[in-house]
Amino acid sequence: MKRPKGDGKAKSAHKRIRHVRSRDHVTEMLKLCLQKVCELQANLERSDEVHDPEAAGYAACAMETIRFLSSQGLPPDHPIVKGLTEKLLQDRE
């Protein structure tokens, strides 16, 4: 028994719709994956900035210098303390 031609077109159209939906689903999944990769990369870059041992050591030394000057009686608004603070911390922020 032969099938009517119209029935084949309906199946073909149904397959195309399924294919388009599948492609849309894949596109959405790829978008989500790309978004997650970008988020992870941004977190990694922030993590590198926060846990940079050289920067942490430099900041610790700068703070110790300022603490020492304070313990010697120089107030935070003293020109030497202000100048050193600006010089030591200006390029690190």
N, C-alpha and C. Protein backbone atom coordinates (compact mmCIF):
# COMPACT_ATOMS: atom_id res chain seq x y z
N MET A 1 0.82 -1.16 0.00
CA MET A 1 0.00 0.00 0.00
C MET A 1 0.88 1.24 0.00
N LYS A 2 0.58 2.17 -0.88
CA LYS A 2 1.37 3.39 -1.00
C LYS A 2 0.85 4.44 -0.03
N ARG A 3 1.79 5.22 0.49
CA ARG A 3 1.41 6.32 1.36
C ARG A 3 1.14 7.56 0.52
N PRO A 4 0.24 8.35 0.95
CA PRO A 4 -0.01 9.60 0.22
C PRO A 4 1.19 10.53 0.36
N LYS A 5 1.43 11.33 -0.70
CA LYS A 5 2.58 12.22 -0.72
C LYS A 5 2.51 13.28 0.38
N GLY A 6 1.36 13.74 0.71
CA GLY A 6 1.19 14.76 1.74
C GLY A 6 1.72 14.31 3.09
N ASP A 7 1.59 13.02 3.39
CA ASP A 7 2.04 12.47 4.66
C ASP A 7 3.56 12.59 4.78
N GLY A 8 4.28 12.39 3.69
CA GLY A 8 5.75 12.49 3.70
C GLY A 8 6.21 13.91 3.96
N LYS A 9 5.49 14.88 3.43
CA LYS A 9 5.85 16.28 3.65
C LYS A 9 5.66 16.66 5.11
N ALA A 10 4.61 16.13 5.71
CA ALA A 10 4.35 16.43 7.12
C ALA A 10 5.47 15.87 7.99
N LYS A 11 5.91 14.64 7.68
CA LYS A 11 7.00 14.04 8.45
C LYS A 11 8.29 14.81 8.24
N SER A 12 8.51 15.23 7.00
CA SER A 12 9.71 16.00 6.69
C SER A 12 9.71 17.33 7.45
N ALA A 13 8.57 17.98 7.48
CA ALA A 13 8.45 19.25 8.21
C ALA A 13 8.66 19.01 9.70
N HIS A 14 8.11 17.91 10.21
CA HIS A 14 8.27 17.58 11.62
C HIS A 14 9.75 17.35 11.96
N LYS A 15 10.47 16.66 11.06
CA LYS A 15 11.90 16.41 11.27
C LYS A 15 12.68 17.72 11.27
N ARG A 16 12.31 18.64 10.35
CA ARG A 16 12.99 19.93 10.30
C ARG A 16 12.77 20.71 11.59
N ILE A 17 11.54 20.69 12.08
CA ILE A 17 11.24 21.40 13.32
C ILE A 17 12.04 20.81 14.47
N ARG A 18 12.10 19.48 14.54
CA ARG A 18 12.89 18.82 15.58
C ARG A 18 14.36 19.18 15.45
N HIS A 19 14.85 19.22 14.20
CA HIS A 19 16.25 19.55 13.95
C HIS A 19 16.54 20.99 14.40
N VAL A 20 15.63 21.90 14.08
CA VAL A 20 15.80 23.30 14.48
C VAL A 20 15.78 23.42 16.00
N ARG A 21 14.84 22.73 16.63
CA ARG A 21 14.78 22.76 18.09
C ARG A 21 16.05 22.19 18.70
N SER A 22 16.54 21.11 18.12
CA SER A 22 17.77 20.50 18.60
C SER A 22 18.94 21.46 18.44
N ARG A 23 18.99 22.14 17.29
CA ARG A 23 20.06 23.10 17.04
C ARG A 23 19.96 24.27 18.01
N ASP A 24 18.73 24.74 18.27
CA ASP A 24 18.53 25.82 19.24
C ASP A 24 18.99 25.39 20.63
N HIS A 25 18.68 24.15 20.98
CA HIS A 25 19.09 23.62 22.28
C HIS A 25 20.61 23.58 22.38
N VAL A 26 21.26 23.13 21.33
CA VAL A 26 22.73 23.08 21.31
C VAL A 26 23.30 24.49 21.42
N THR A 27 22.71 25.43 20.68
CA THR A 27 23.18 26.81 20.74
C THR A 27 23.04 27.38 22.15
N GLU A 28 21.93 27.11 22.79
CA GLU A 28 21.72 27.59 24.16
C GLU A 28 22.72 26.95 25.11
N MET A 29 22.98 25.67 24.93
CA MET A 29 23.96 24.99 25.78
C MET A 29 25.35 25.57 25.58
N LEU A 30 25.70 25.84 24.32
CA LEU A 30 27.00 26.45 24.05
C LEU A 30 27.11 27.84 24.67
N LYS A 31 26.03 28.60 24.62
CA LYS A 31 26.03 29.92 25.25
C LYS A 31 26.25 29.80 26.76
N LEU A 32 25.55 28.86 27.38
CA LEU A 32 25.71 28.65 28.82
C LEU A 32 27.13 28.23 29.17
N CYS A 33 27.69 27.34 28.35
CA CYS A 33 29.06 26.88 28.60
C CYS A 33 30.05 28.04 28.46
N LEU A 34 29.88 28.85 27.43
CA LEU A 34 30.77 29.99 27.22
C LEU A 34 30.65 30.98 28.38
N GLN A 35 29.43 31.21 28.84
CA GLN A 35 29.22 32.11 29.96
C GLN A 35 29.94 31.57 31.21
N LYS A 36 29.83 30.27 31.45
CA LYS A 36 30.48 29.67 32.62
C LYS A 36 32.00 29.76 32.51
N VAL A 37 32.53 29.51 31.31
CA VAL A 37 33.97 29.62 31.10
C VAL A 37 34.44 31.04 31.38
N CYS A 38 33.69 32.02 30.90
CA CYS A 38 34.05 33.43 31.13
C CYS A 38 34.02 33.76 32.62
N GLU A 39 33.01 33.26 33.33
CA GLU A 39 32.93 33.48 34.78
C GLU A 39 34.12 32.86 35.50
N LEU A 40 34.45 31.63 35.13
CA LEU A 40 35.58 30.95 35.77
C LEU A 40 36.89 31.67 35.48
N GLN A 41 37.06 32.14 34.25
CA GLN A 41 38.27 32.87 33.90
C GLN A 41 38.36 34.17 34.69
N ALA A 42 37.25 34.88 34.83
CA ALA A 42 37.25 36.12 35.61
C ALA A 42 37.59 35.84 37.07
N ASN A 43 37.03 34.77 37.62
CA ASN A 43 37.34 34.39 39.00
C ASN A 43 38.81 34.04 39.16
N LEU A 44 39.36 33.35 38.19
CA LEU A 44 40.76 32.98 38.23
C LEU A 44 41.65 34.22 38.19
N GLU A 45 41.31 35.18 37.34
CA GLU A 45 42.09 36.41 37.26
C GLU A 45 42.01 37.19 38.56
N ARG A 46 40.81 37.26 39.16
CA ARG A 46 40.68 37.94 40.45
C ARG A 46 41.46 37.20 41.52
N SER A 47 41.42 35.89 41.48
CA SER A 47 42.13 35.07 42.45
C SER A 47 43.63 35.30 42.34
N ASP A 48 44.14 35.42 41.11
CA ASP A 48 45.56 35.68 40.92
C ASP A 48 45.95 37.02 41.51
N GLU A 49 45.10 38.03 41.35
CA GLU A 49 45.39 39.34 41.90
C GLU A 49 45.39 39.32 43.42
N VAL A 50 44.45 38.61 44.00
CA VAL A 50 44.31 38.57 45.45
C VAL A 50 45.44 37.76 46.09
N HIS A 51 45.88 36.70 45.46
CA HIS A 51 46.85 35.79 46.07
C HIS A 51 48.24 35.93 45.45
N ASP A 52 48.57 37.10 44.93
CA ASP A 52 49.89 37.32 44.36
C ASP A 52 50.88 37.48 45.51
N PRO A 53 51.78 36.52 45.70
CA PRO A 53 52.69 36.57 46.84
C PRO A 53 53.60 37.80 46.83
N GLU A 54 54.04 38.21 45.66
CA GLU A 54 54.91 39.39 45.57
C GLU A 54 54.18 40.64 46.04
N ALA A 55 52.95 40.81 45.58
CA ALA A 55 52.16 41.98 45.98
C ALA A 55 51.86 41.94 47.48
N ALA A 56 51.57 40.75 47.99
CA ALA A 56 51.28 40.62 49.42
C ALA A 56 52.51 40.96 50.25
N GLY A 57 53.68 40.50 49.82
CA GLY A 57 54.92 40.82 50.53
C GLY A 57 55.24 42.30 50.49
N TYR A 58 55.04 42.91 49.34
CA TYR A 58 55.29 44.34 49.19
C TYR A 58 54.35 45.13 50.10
N ALA A 59 53.08 44.77 50.10
CA ALA A 59 52.10 45.47 50.94
C ALA A 59 52.44 45.30 52.42
N ALA A 60 52.88 44.11 52.81
CA ALA A 60 53.24 43.87 54.21
C ALA A 60 54.43 44.74 54.61
N CYS A 61 55.41 44.86 53.73
CA CYS A 61 56.58 45.71 54.02
C CYS A 61 56.18 47.18 54.12
N ALA A 62 55.33 47.62 53.21
CA ALA A 62 54.87 49.01 53.23
C ALA A 62 54.13 49.30 54.53
N MET A 63 53.25 48.40 54.93
CA MET A 63 52.49 48.61 56.17
C MET A 63 53.41 48.58 57.39
N GLU A 64 54.40 47.71 57.38
CA GLU A 64 55.34 47.64 58.50
C GLU A 64 56.15 48.94 58.60
N THR A 65 56.53 49.51 57.47
CA THR A 65 57.25 50.78 57.46
C THR A 65 56.40 51.88 58.08
N ILE A 66 55.15 51.95 57.68
CA ILE A 66 54.25 52.98 58.20
C ILE A 66 53.99 52.75 59.70
N ARG A 67 53.85 51.49 60.10
CA ARG A 67 53.66 51.17 61.52
C ARG A 67 54.88 51.59 62.34
N PHE A 68 56.07 51.34 61.81
CA PHE A 68 57.30 51.72 62.51
C PHE A 68 57.36 53.23 62.70
N LEU A 69 57.07 53.99 61.63
CA LEU A 69 57.11 55.45 61.75
C LEU A 69 56.08 55.93 62.78
N SER A 70 54.94 55.29 62.82
CA SER A 70 53.91 55.65 63.79
C SER A 70 54.39 55.35 65.21
N SER A 71 55.07 54.22 65.40
CA SER A 71 55.57 53.86 66.73
C SER A 71 56.69 54.80 67.18
N GLN A 72 57.33 55.48 66.25
CA GLN A 72 58.38 56.44 66.57
C GLN A 72 57.81 57.84 66.85
N GLY A 73 56.49 57.94 66.81
CA GLY A 73 55.84 59.20 67.17
C GLY A 73 55.42 60.07 66.01
N LEU A 74 55.59 59.60 64.79
CA LEU A 74 55.16 60.40 63.64
C LEU A 74 53.68 60.15 63.38
N PRO A 75 52.85 61.19 63.37
CA PRO A 75 51.42 61.01 63.11
C PRO A 75 51.16 60.69 61.64
N PRO A 76 50.00 60.12 61.32
CA PRO A 76 49.67 59.76 59.94
C PRO A 76 49.66 60.95 58.97
N ASP A 77 49.43 62.16 59.51
CA ASP A 77 49.40 63.32 58.62
C ASP A 77 50.76 64.01 58.49
N HIS A 78 51.79 63.44 59.09
CA HIS A 78 53.15 63.99 58.97
C HIS A 78 53.60 63.89 57.51
N PRO A 79 54.30 64.91 56.99
CA PRO A 79 54.71 64.90 55.58
C PRO A 79 55.54 63.67 55.18
N ILE A 80 56.39 63.18 56.06
CA ILE A 80 57.21 62.00 55.74
C ILE A 80 56.31 60.77 55.60
N VAL A 81 55.40 60.58 56.55
CA VAL A 81 54.49 59.42 56.50
C VAL A 81 53.59 59.51 55.28
N LYS A 82 53.05 60.70 55.03
CA LYS A 82 52.18 60.88 53.86
C LYS A 82 52.95 60.59 52.57
N GLY A 83 54.16 61.14 52.47
CA GLY A 83 54.96 60.95 51.25
C GLY A 83 55.32 59.49 51.02
N LEU A 84 55.75 58.81 52.09
CA LEU A 84 56.09 57.38 51.96
C LEU A 84 54.87 56.54 51.61
N THR A 85 53.75 56.84 52.25
CA THR A 85 52.53 56.09 51.96
C THR A 85 52.14 56.24 50.50
N GLU A 86 52.15 57.47 50.01
CA GLU A 86 51.81 57.70 48.61
C GLU A 86 52.80 57.00 47.68
N LYS A 87 54.08 57.11 47.99
CA LYS A 87 55.11 56.51 47.13
C LYS A 87 55.04 54.99 47.14
N LEU A 88 54.88 54.41 48.31
CA LEU A 88 54.88 52.94 48.42
C LEU A 88 53.61 52.31 47.86
N LEU A 89 52.50 53.00 47.98
CA LEU A 89 51.23 52.37 47.61
C LEU A 89 50.62 52.89 46.31
N GLN A 90 51.21 53.91 45.70
CA GLN A 90 50.58 54.49 44.50
C GLN A 90 50.56 53.52 43.33
N ASP A 91 51.60 52.77 43.07
CA ASP A 91 51.65 51.88 41.91
C ASP A 91 51.06 50.51 42.21
N ARG A 92 50.76 50.21 43.42
CA ARG A 92 50.29 48.87 43.80
C ARG A 92 48.78 48.77 43.84
N GLU A 93 48.06 49.86 43.78
CA GLU A 93 46.60 49.80 43.87
C GLU A 93 45.97 49.53 42.56
